[in-house]
Amino acid sequence: MIYYSEKQPSIIILDDSLQIKAIYGENIEFAEIAGISLIDKSMSDIGIGTRTNGYGGFGETLKGNFKSGNLGETLLFVESRTSPTIKIERIDKKDVYLSLSNSESTDLLYQELIAAIQ
């Protein structure tokens, strides 16, 4: 269980949706996305808040449902000290934050997401 929880999520971009395969994974339809942005900060710098139902890890891995005073309820799939961080704003659903194990991988994922939703 710990191995699976610490493992980097598998992100699959389909024609009309984004699949995040991980513990507490999520399918995000492109139609429910209000915006995608790349934040030049780590999730630790942005403000993680408190885990409400998720994995807090032994290291920096955070997955699942979190709540913070400045962000509200969120869904995280992040390495908490790695920047940048991708923010996916959804219509009438929790915002999703993603960051992978290194900045290059996160940048590449962001570019692929932008291209896919256009």
C-alpha atoms as a PDB file:
ATOM      1  CA  MET A   1       0.000   0.000   0.000  1.00  0.00           C
ATOM      2  CA  ILE A   2       2.794   2.440   0.855  1.00  0.00           C
ATOM      3  CA  TYR A   3       4.605   1.694  -2.413  1.00  0.00           C
ATOM      4  CA  TYR A   4       1.470   2.401  -4.465  1.00  0.00           C
ATOM      5  CA  SER A   5       0.734   5.558  -2.477  1.00  0.00           C
ATOM      6  CA  GLU A   6       4.253   6.963  -2.921  1.00  0.00           C
ATOM      7  CA  LYS A   7       4.355   6.117  -6.640  1.00  0.00           C
ATOM      8  CA  GLN A   8       4.065   9.034  -9.064  1.00  0.00           C
ATOM      9  CA  PRO A   9       0.578   9.169 -10.635  1.00  0.00           C
ATOM     10  CA  SER A  10       0.064   8.034 -14.186  1.00  0.00           C
ATOM     11  CA  ILE A  11      -1.481  10.884 -16.184  1.00  0.00           C
ATOM     12  CA  ILE A  12      -3.302   9.919 -19.382  1.00  0.00           C
ATOM     13  CA  ILE A  13      -4.668  12.550 -21.747  1.00  0.00           C
ATOM     14  CA  LEU A  14      -7.539  11.262 -23.866  1.00  0.00           C
ATOM     15  CA  ASP A  15      -9.602  13.002 -26.562  1.00  0.00           C
ATOM     16  CA  ASP A  16     -12.107  14.462 -24.100  1.00  0.00           C
ATOM     17  CA  SER A  17     -10.710  13.844 -20.640  1.00  0.00           C
ATOM     18  CA  LEU A  18      -7.733  13.539 -18.353  1.00  0.00           C
ATOM     19  CA  GLN A  19      -7.220  10.397 -16.264  1.00  0.00           C
ATOM     20  CA  ILE A  20      -5.135  10.546 -13.112  1.00  0.00           C
ATOM     21  CA  LYS A  21      -4.331   6.979 -12.126  1.00  0.00           C
ATOM     22  CA  ALA A  22      -3.180   6.904  -8.530  1.00  0.00           C
ATOM     23  CA  ILE A  23      -4.521   6.345  -5.070  1.00  0.00           C
ATOM     24  CA  TYR A  24      -7.488   8.763  -4.874  1.00  0.00           C
ATOM     25  CA  GLY A  25      -7.311   9.015  -8.698  1.00  0.00           C
ATOM     26  CA  GLU A  26      -9.675  11.135 -10.738  1.00  0.00           C
ATOM     27  CA  ASN A  27     -11.147  11.384 -14.232  1.00  0.00           C
ATOM     28  CA  ILE A  28     -11.554  14.973 -15.379  1.00  0.00           C
ATOM     29  CA  GLU A  29     -13.726  15.712 -18.398  1.00  0.00           C
ATOM     30  CA  PHE A  30     -12.387  18.617 -20.465  1.00  0.00           C
ATOM     31  CA  ALA A  31     -15.909  20.091 -20.457  1.00  0.00           C
ATOM     32  CA  GLU A  32     -15.709  20.599 -16.670  1.00  0.00           C
ATOM     33  CA  ILE A  33     -12.386  22.482 -16.806  1.00  0.00           C
ATOM     34  CA  ALA A  34     -12.735  26.222 -16.247  1.00  0.00           C
ATOM     35  CA  GLY A  35      -9.012  26.895 -16.541  1.00  0.00           C
ATOM     36  CA  ILE A  36      -5.505  25.478 -16.301  1.00  0.00           C
ATOM     37  CA  SER A  37      -2.573  27.459 -14.961  1.00  0.00           C
ATOM     38  CA  LEU A  38       1.063  26.825 -14.126  1.00  0.00           C
ATOM     39  CA  ILE A  39       2.038  28.252 -10.755  1.00  0.00           C
ATOM     40  CA  ASP A  40       5.753  28.870 -10.276  1.00  0.00           C
ATOM     41  CA  LYS A  41       5.621  27.634  -6.662  1.00  0.00           C
ATOM     42  CA  SER A  42       5.579  24.320  -4.876  1.00  0.00           C
ATOM     43  CA  MET A  43       2.431  23.165  -3.093  1.00  0.00           C
ATOM     44  CA  SER A  44       4.231  23.794   0.204  1.00  0.00           C
ATOM     45  CA  ASP A  45       4.657  27.440  -0.833  1.00  0.00           C
ATOM     46  CA  ILE A  46       1.058  27.722  -2.083  1.00  0.00           C
ATOM     47  CA  GLY A  47      -0.392  26.260   1.122  1.00  0.00           C
ATOM     48  CA  ILE A  48      -1.304  22.614   1.526  1.00  0.00           C
ATOM     49  CA  GLY A  49      -3.786  22.923   4.348  1.00  0.00           C
ATOM     50  CA  THR A  50      -5.065  19.862   6.169  1.00  0.00           C
ATOM     51  CA  ARG A  51      -5.587  16.389   4.754  1.00  0.00           C
ATOM     52  CA  THR A  52      -9.269  15.426   5.034  1.00  0.00           C
ATOM     53  CA  ASN A  53      -9.126  12.091   3.198  1.00  0.00           C
ATOM     54  CA  GLY A  54      -5.904  11.214   1.502  1.00  0.00           C
ATOM     55  CA  TYR A  55      -2.306  10.174   1.716  1.00  0.00           C
ATOM     56  CA  GLY A  56       0.240  12.372   3.481  1.00  0.00           C
ATOM     57  CA  GLY A  57       3.241  10.196   2.770  1.00  0.00           C
ATOM     58  CA  PHE A  58       6.561   9.689   4.445  1.00  0.00           C
ATOM     59  CA  GLY A  59       8.258  12.191   2.190  1.00  0.00           C
ATOM     60  CA  GLU A  60       6.781  14.882   0.019  1.00  0.00           C
ATOM     61  CA  THR A  61       4.033  12.880  -1.709  1.00  0.00           C
ATOM     62  CA  LEU A  62       0.490  14.167  -1.142  1.00  0.00           C
ATOM     63  CA  LYS A  63      -2.558  12.578  -2.759  1.00  0.00           C
ATOM     64  CA  GLY A  64      -6.228  12.974  -2.064  1.00  0.00           C
ATOM     65  CA  ASN A  65      -8.557  15.483  -0.472  1.00  0.00           C
ATOM     66  CA  PHE A  66      -7.195  18.497   1.401  1.00  0.00           C
ATOM     67  CA  LYS A  67      -8.694  21.695   2.803  1.00  0.00           C
ATOM     68  CA  SER A  68      -6.960  25.011   3.377  1.00  0.00           C
ATOM     69  CA  GLY A  69      -8.075  28.442   4.486  1.00  0.00           C
ATOM     70  CA  ASN A  70      -6.923  30.162   1.306  1.00  0.00           C
ATOM     71  CA  LEU A  71      -7.708  27.437  -1.296  1.00  0.00           C
ATOM     72  CA  GLY A  72     -10.772  25.760   0.166  1.00  0.00           C
ATOM     73  CA  GLU A  73     -11.289  22.073  -0.621  1.00  0.00           C
ATOM     74  CA  THR A  74      -8.797  20.683  -3.119  1.00  0.00           C
ATOM     75  CA  LEU A  75      -7.679  17.427  -4.676  1.00  0.00           C
ATOM     76  CA  LEU A  76      -3.883  17.041  -4.659  1.00  0.00           C
ATOM     77  CA  PHE A  77      -1.536  14.812  -6.650  1.00  0.00           C
ATOM     78  CA  VAL A  78       1.723  16.547  -5.814  1.00  0.00           C
ATOM     79  CA  GLU A  79       5.275  16.344  -4.640  1.00  0.00           C
ATOM     80  CA  SER A  80       4.869  19.055  -2.039  1.00  0.00           C
ATOM     81  CA  ARG A  81       8.295  20.703  -2.432  1.00  0.00           C
ATOM     82  CA  THR A  82       8.581  20.433  -6.221  1.00  0.00           C
ATOM     83  CA  SER A  83       7.727  23.410  -8.401  1.00  0.00           C
ATOM     84  CA  PRO A  84       6.026  24.408 -10.586  1.00  0.00           C
ATOM     85  CA  THR A  85       2.505  23.217  -9.786  1.00  0.00           C
ATOM     86  CA  ILE A  86      -0.357  22.791 -12.255  1.00  0.00           C
ATOM     87  CA  LYS A  87      -3.752  24.066 -11.114  1.00  0.00           C
ATOM     88  CA  ILE A  88      -6.858  22.725 -12.839  1.00  0.00           C
ATOM     89  CA  GLU A  89      -9.941  24.782 -11.991  1.00  0.00           C
ATOM     90  CA  ARG A  90     -13.172  22.836 -12.448  1.00  0.00           C
ATOM     91  CA  ILE A  91     -16.757  23.967 -12.747  1.00  0.00           C
ATOM     92  CA  ASP A  92     -18.660  23.141  -9.523  1.00  0.00           C
ATOM     93  CA  LYS A  93     -15.960  20.699  -8.351  1.00  0.00           C
ATOM     94  CA  LYS A  94     -12.764  20.815  -6.323  1.00  0.00           C
ATOM     95  CA  ASP A  95      -9.703  22.314  -7.970  1.00  0.00           C
ATOM     96  CA  VAL A  96      -6.980  19.776  -8.749  1.00  0.00           C
ATOM     97  CA  TYR A  97      -3.274  20.454  -8.209  1.00  0.00           C
ATOM     98  CA  LEU A  98      -0.575  18.376  -9.916  1.00  0.00           C
ATOM     99  CA  SER A  99       3.193  18.324  -9.688  1.00  0.00           C
ATOM    100  CA  LEU A 100       5.493  15.535 -10.722  1.00  0.00           C
ATOM    101  CA  SER A 101       8.875  14.503  -9.357  1.00  0.00           C
ATOM    102  CA  ASN A 102      10.775  17.125 -11.356  1.00  0.00           C
ATOM    103  CA  SER A 103      10.023  20.505 -12.889  1.00  0.00           C
ATOM    104  CA  GLU A 104      10.689  19.370 -16.469  1.00  0.00           C
ATOM    105  CA  SER A 105       8.049  16.634 -16.273  1.00  0.00           C
ATOM    106  CA  THR A 106       5.519  19.048 -14.777  1.00  0.00           C
ATOM    107  CA  ASP A 107       6.239  21.660 -17.488  1.00  0.00           C
ATOM    108  CA  LEU A 108       5.820  19.044 -20.220  1.00  0.00           C
ATOM    109  CA  LEU A 109       2.529  17.823 -18.739  1.00  0.00           C
ATOM    110  CA  TYR A 110       1.247  21.400 -18.592  1.00  0.00           C
ATOM    111  CA  GLN A 111       2.094  21.962 -22.282  1.00  0.00           C
ATOM    112  CA  GLU A 112       0.362  18.696 -23.237  1.00  0.00           C
ATOM    113  CA  LEU A 113      -2.756  19.630 -21.250  1.00  0.00           C
ATOM    114  CA  ILE A 114      -2.977  23.077 -22.848  1.00  0.00           C
ATOM    115  CA  ALA A 115      -2.629  21.554 -26.319  1.00  0.00           C
ATOM    116  CA  ALA A 116      -5.275  18.902 -25.577  1.00  0.00           C
ATOM    117  CA  ILE A 117      -7.993  21.257 -24.359  1.00  0.00           C
ATOM    118  CA  GLN A 118      -7.665  23.770 -27.194  1.00  0.00           C
END
